[in-house]
């Protein structure tokens, strides 16, 4: 695993990933790329997909007690400890986790049934990037996830296009009438500046962004 996935600690700025901190410091190696990948996959699974398999009691809002999580992860990886888990979380480039006191949860991406409590979305329009053939189907059936608790939407067309490139080299962007959907009871919550999560969205609130305005 190349060094871009390794986690290091800068004496001034804390944990970071890659060869050097933004200040130029090489820092001290905390986790190599292989262990970062292994621990990251297990943490994501524990907080998003299979908490029961690790004996974790998750609150309805997705919170897990950190000491309990550490003990559970150490049953799989004896080398893991709380400091390494905190290094993984604080250096995560996508901000996938949040900590509140001695509790931790995943911000998004859950397949288990959780009732997240983020601020209600206030943007009137949101976006969803996907492949062309999939976009046509979604316009007919609506937006819903077969594997995740919530639909993940982007706050800008550019971000939707970027997300869509994970599925195809030439994504199409679906425009979501968020204001209309929310007026009719669809719950949408702001997770970050670039992401909103939503309950399933009926097709009447969806339209294709005109080709001339797409990339």
Protein backbone atom coordinates (compact mmCIF):
# COMPACT_ATOMS: atom_id res chain seq x y z
CA UNK A 1 0.00 0.00 0.00
CA UNK A 2 1.56 3.31 -1.05
CA UNK A 3 2.48 6.02 1.39
CA UNK A 4 -0.48 8.28 0.52
CA UNK A 5 -2.67 6.02 2.67
CA UNK A 6 -0.31 5.99 5.66
CA UNK A 7 -1.11 8.11 8.70
CA UNK A 8 1.56 10.33 10.25
CA UNK A 9 1.59 12.79 13.12
CA UNK A 10 2.89 16.32 12.74
CA UNK A 11 4.18 17.81 16.04
CA UNK A 12 2.35 21.05 15.27
CA UNK A 13 -0.79 20.04 13.38
CA UNK A 14 -1.56 16.49 14.50
CA UNK A 15 -2.52 13.51 12.34
CA UNK A 16 -2.40 13.65 8.54
CA UNK A 17 -2.28 11.26 5.58
CA UNK A 18 0.34 11.17 2.87
CA UNK A 19 4.02 12.00 2.69
CA UNK A 20 3.97 15.41 4.36
CA UNK A 21 1.79 17.71 6.43
CA UNK A 22 0.51 20.95 4.89
CA UNK A 23 3.31 22.71 6.75
CA UNK A 24 5.89 20.49 5.08
CA UNK A 25 6.71 18.31 8.08
CA UNK A 26 7.24 14.61 7.40
CA UNK A 27 5.98 13.84 10.87
CA UNK A 28 6.16 10.46 12.58
CA UNK A 29 4.61 7.34 11.08
CA UNK A 30 1.59 6.17 13.10
CA UNK A 31 -0.05 3.62 10.77
CA UNK A 32 1.29 2.25 7.51
CA UNK A 33 -0.98 2.06 4.47
CA UNK A 34 -1.90 -1.60 4.92
CA UNK A 35 -3.02 -1.20 8.53
CA UNK A 36 -4.80 2.05 7.73
CA UNK A 37 -6.84 0.21 5.10
CA UNK A 38 -7.63 -2.72 7.40
CA UNK A 39 -8.61 -0.58 10.35
CA UNK A 40 -10.62 1.77 8.13
CA UNK A 41 -12.68 -1.06 6.67
CA UNK A 42 -13.42 -2.52 10.08
CA UNK A 43 -14.36 0.85 11.56
CA UNK A 44 -16.70 1.57 8.66
CA UNK A 45 -18.32 -1.81 9.05
CA UNK A 46 -18.71 -1.42 12.80
CA UNK A 47 -20.36 2.01 12.60
CA UNK A 48 -22.30 1.63 9.35
CA UNK A 49 -23.11 -1.97 8.57
CA UNK A 50 -22.59 -4.70 11.20
CA UNK A 51 -22.40 -3.35 14.78
CA UNK A 52 -24.19 -6.47 16.04
CA UNK A 53 -21.45 -8.72 14.66
CA UNK A 54 -18.99 -6.96 16.97
CA UNK A 55 -21.38 -6.91 19.94
CA UNK A 56 -21.82 -3.13 19.78
CA UNK A 57 -24.86 -1.41 21.26
CA UNK A 58 -25.72 1.44 18.87
CA UNK A 59 -28.08 4.24 19.84
CA UNK A 60 -31.01 5.08 17.51
CA UNK A 61 -28.94 8.04 16.25
CA UNK A 62 -25.95 5.82 15.42
CA UNK A 63 -23.72 6.54 18.43
CA UNK A 64 -21.39 3.94 19.94
CA UNK A 65 -19.33 4.31 23.11
CA UNK A 66 -15.65 4.69 22.21
CA UNK A 67 -14.21 2.36 24.90
CA UNK A 68 -16.64 -0.36 23.83
CA UNK A 69 -15.74 0.17 20.19
CA UNK A 70 -12.02 -0.08 20.95
CA UNK A 71 -12.50 -3.36 22.82
CA UNK A 72 -14.55 -4.75 19.93
CA UNK A 73 -12.00 -3.79 17.30
CA UNK A 74 -9.19 -5.28 19.35
CA UNK A 75 -10.91 -8.67 19.11
CA UNK A 76 -10.03 -8.56 15.39
CA UNK A 77 -6.79 -6.54 15.47
CA UNK A 78 -4.82 -6.85 18.69
CA UNK A 79 -2.46 -4.06 17.54
CA UNK A 80 -5.29 -1.52 17.42
CA UNK A 81 -5.91 0.93 20.27
CA UNK A 82 -7.86 4.11 20.91
CA UNK A 83 -5.04 6.38 19.75
CA UNK A 84 -4.86 4.65 16.37
CA UNK A 85 -8.64 4.82 15.93
CA UNK A 86 -8.59 8.54 16.75
CA UNK A 87 -5.74 9.00 14.26
CA UNK A 88 -7.83 7.28 11.59
CA UNK A 89 -10.91 9.39 12.35
CA UNK A 90 -9.21 12.77 12.63
CA UNK A 91 -7.19 12.27 9.43
CA UNK A 92 -10.07 10.93 7.35
CA UNK A 93 -10.17 13.07 4.19
CA UNK A 94 -13.92 12.65 3.74
CA UNK A 95 -14.89 13.45 7.32
CA UNK A 96 -16.86 10.24 7.60
CA UNK A 97 -17.00 10.17 11.40
CA UNK A 98 -17.80 12.49 14.27
CA UNK A 99 -17.05 12.36 17.98
CA UNK A 100 -19.17 13.75 20.81
CA UNK A 101 -17.53 13.30 24.22
CA UNK A 102 -16.83 9.59 24.54
CA UNK A 103 -19.14 8.58 21.71
CA UNK A 104 -18.51 8.16 17.99
CA UNK A 105 -20.68 7.63 14.92
CA UNK A 106 -20.51 7.56 11.15
CA UNK A 107 -21.95 10.70 9.57
CA UNK A 108 -23.43 8.86 6.57
CA UNK A 109 -23.35 5.62 4.59
CA UNK A 110 -25.38 3.47 7.01
CA UNK A 111 -27.04 0.26 5.91
CA UNK A 112 -28.30 -0.38 9.45
CA UNK A 113 -31.50 1.39 10.51
CA UNK A 114 -30.53 4.67 12.18
CA UNK A 115 -32.45 7.90 12.74
CA UNK A 116 -29.83 10.60 12.27
CA UNK A 117 -30.47 14.03 13.76
CA UNK A 118 -28.59 16.55 11.61
CA UNK A 119 -29.96 20.02 10.80
CA UNK A 120 -32.80 20.12 8.29
CA UNK A 121 -31.70 21.00 4.77
CA UNK A 122 -32.44 24.58 3.71
CA UNK A 123 -31.24 24.45 0.09
CA UNK A 124 -34.14 24.51 -2.40
CA UNK A 125 -32.27 22.48 -5.02
CA UNK A 126 -29.93 19.51 -4.69
CA UNK A 127 -28.15 17.22 -7.14
CA UNK A 128 -27.40 13.55 -7.78
CA UNK A 129 -24.72 12.29 -10.17
CA UNK A 130 -25.06 8.90 -11.83
CA UNK A 131 -24.63 7.00 -15.11
CA UNK A 132 -26.89 7.96 -18.03
CA UNK A 133 -28.84 4.69 -18.14
CA UNK A 134 -29.33 4.75 -14.38
CA UNK A 135 -30.45 8.38 -14.48
CA UNK A 136 -33.26 7.53 -16.91
CA UNK A 137 -34.47 4.77 -14.62
CA UNK A 138 -34.33 6.98 -11.52
CA UNK A 139 -36.44 9.63 -13.20
CA UNK A 140 -39.14 6.96 -13.51
CA UNK A 141 -38.92 5.27 -10.10
CA UNK A 142 -37.48 7.96 -7.83
CA UNK A 143 -34.37 8.12 -5.71
CA UNK A 144 -33.98 5.44 -3.08
CA UNK A 145 -31.09 3.31 -1.93
CA UNK A 146 -31.19 -0.47 -1.95
CA UNK A 147 -28.21 -0.76 0.38
CA UNK A 148 -28.13 2.40 2.51
CA UNK A 149 -30.51 3.96 5.00
CA UNK A 150 -30.50 7.36 3.26
CA UNK A 151 -30.04 8.73 -0.24
CA UNK A 152 -26.88 10.83 -0.52
CA UNK A 153 -27.28 14.10 -2.41
CA UNK A 154 -24.79 16.79 -3.40
CA UNK A 155 -25.23 20.49 -2.72
CA UNK A 156 -23.73 21.62 -6.06
CA UNK A 157 -23.71 20.30 -9.64
CA UNK A 158 -19.91 20.13 -9.58
CA UNK A 159 -19.91 17.94 -6.49
CA UNK A 160 -22.60 15.70 -7.99
CA UNK A 161 -20.49 15.32 -11.13
CA UNK A 162 -17.45 14.44 -9.02
CA UNK A 163 -19.41 11.81 -7.08
CA UNK A 164 -20.87 10.47 -10.31
CA UNK A 165 -17.41 9.82 -11.74
CA UNK A 166 -17.07 6.95 -9.26
CA UNK A 167 -19.77 5.17 -11.31
CA UNK A 168 -19.02 6.33 -14.84
CA UNK A 169 -16.60 8.49 -16.79
CA UNK A 170 -19.39 10.72 -18.09
CA UNK A 171 -22.03 11.11 -15.36
CA UNK A 172 -25.42 12.74 -15.78
CA UNK A 173 -26.81 15.01 -13.10
CA UNK A 174 -30.31 14.71 -11.70
CA UNK A 175 -31.77 17.92 -10.28
CA UNK A 176 -33.78 17.44 -7.07
CA UNK A 177 -36.58 19.83 -6.13
CA UNK A 178 -35.64 19.64 -2.46
CA UNK A 179 -37.99 22.40 -1.35
CA UNK A 180 -40.98 20.71 -2.98
CA UNK A 181 -40.10 17.29 -1.61
CA UNK A 182 -39.63 18.62 1.90
CA UNK A 183 -42.97 20.43 1.77
CA UNK A 184 -44.55 17.03 1.15
CA UNK A 185 -42.79 15.41 4.10
CA UNK A 186 -39.53 14.02 2.67
CA UNK A 187 -36.93 14.40 5.40
CA UNK A 188 -33.60 15.86 4.25
CA UNK A 189 -30.66 16.67 6.53
CA UNK A 190 -27.43 18.59 6.01
CA UNK A 191 -24.41 16.44 6.86
CA UNK A 192 -21.71 18.75 5.52
CA UNK A 193 -21.24 21.69 3.17
CA UNK A 194 -21.24 19.30 0.23
CA UNK A 195 -23.68 16.56 1.29
CA UNK A 196 -27.34 16.21 2.24
CA UNK A 197 -28.93 12.89 3.18
CA UNK A 198 -32.56 12.18 2.41
CA UNK A 199 -35.41 9.76 2.77
CA UNK A 200 -36.58 8.27 -0.57
CA UNK A 201 -37.56 10.94 -3.12
CA UNK A 202 -40.54 10.39 -5.48
CA UNK A 203 -39.89 10.89 -9.21
CA UNK A 204 -42.10 13.99 -9.47
CA UNK A 205 -39.37 15.95 -7.68
CA UNK A 206 -36.63 14.89 -10.11
CA UNK A 207 -35.50 16.23 -13.47
CA UNK A 208 -32.45 15.84 -15.67
CA UNK A 209 -30.05 18.75 -15.80
CA UNK A 210 -29.98 20.05 -19.40
CA UNK A 211 -27.04 18.68 -21.37
CA UNK A 212 -25.71 22.15 -22.21
CA UNK A 213 -25.24 22.91 -18.50
CA UNK A 214 -23.54 19.61 -17.73
CA UNK A 215 -19.83 19.16 -18.17
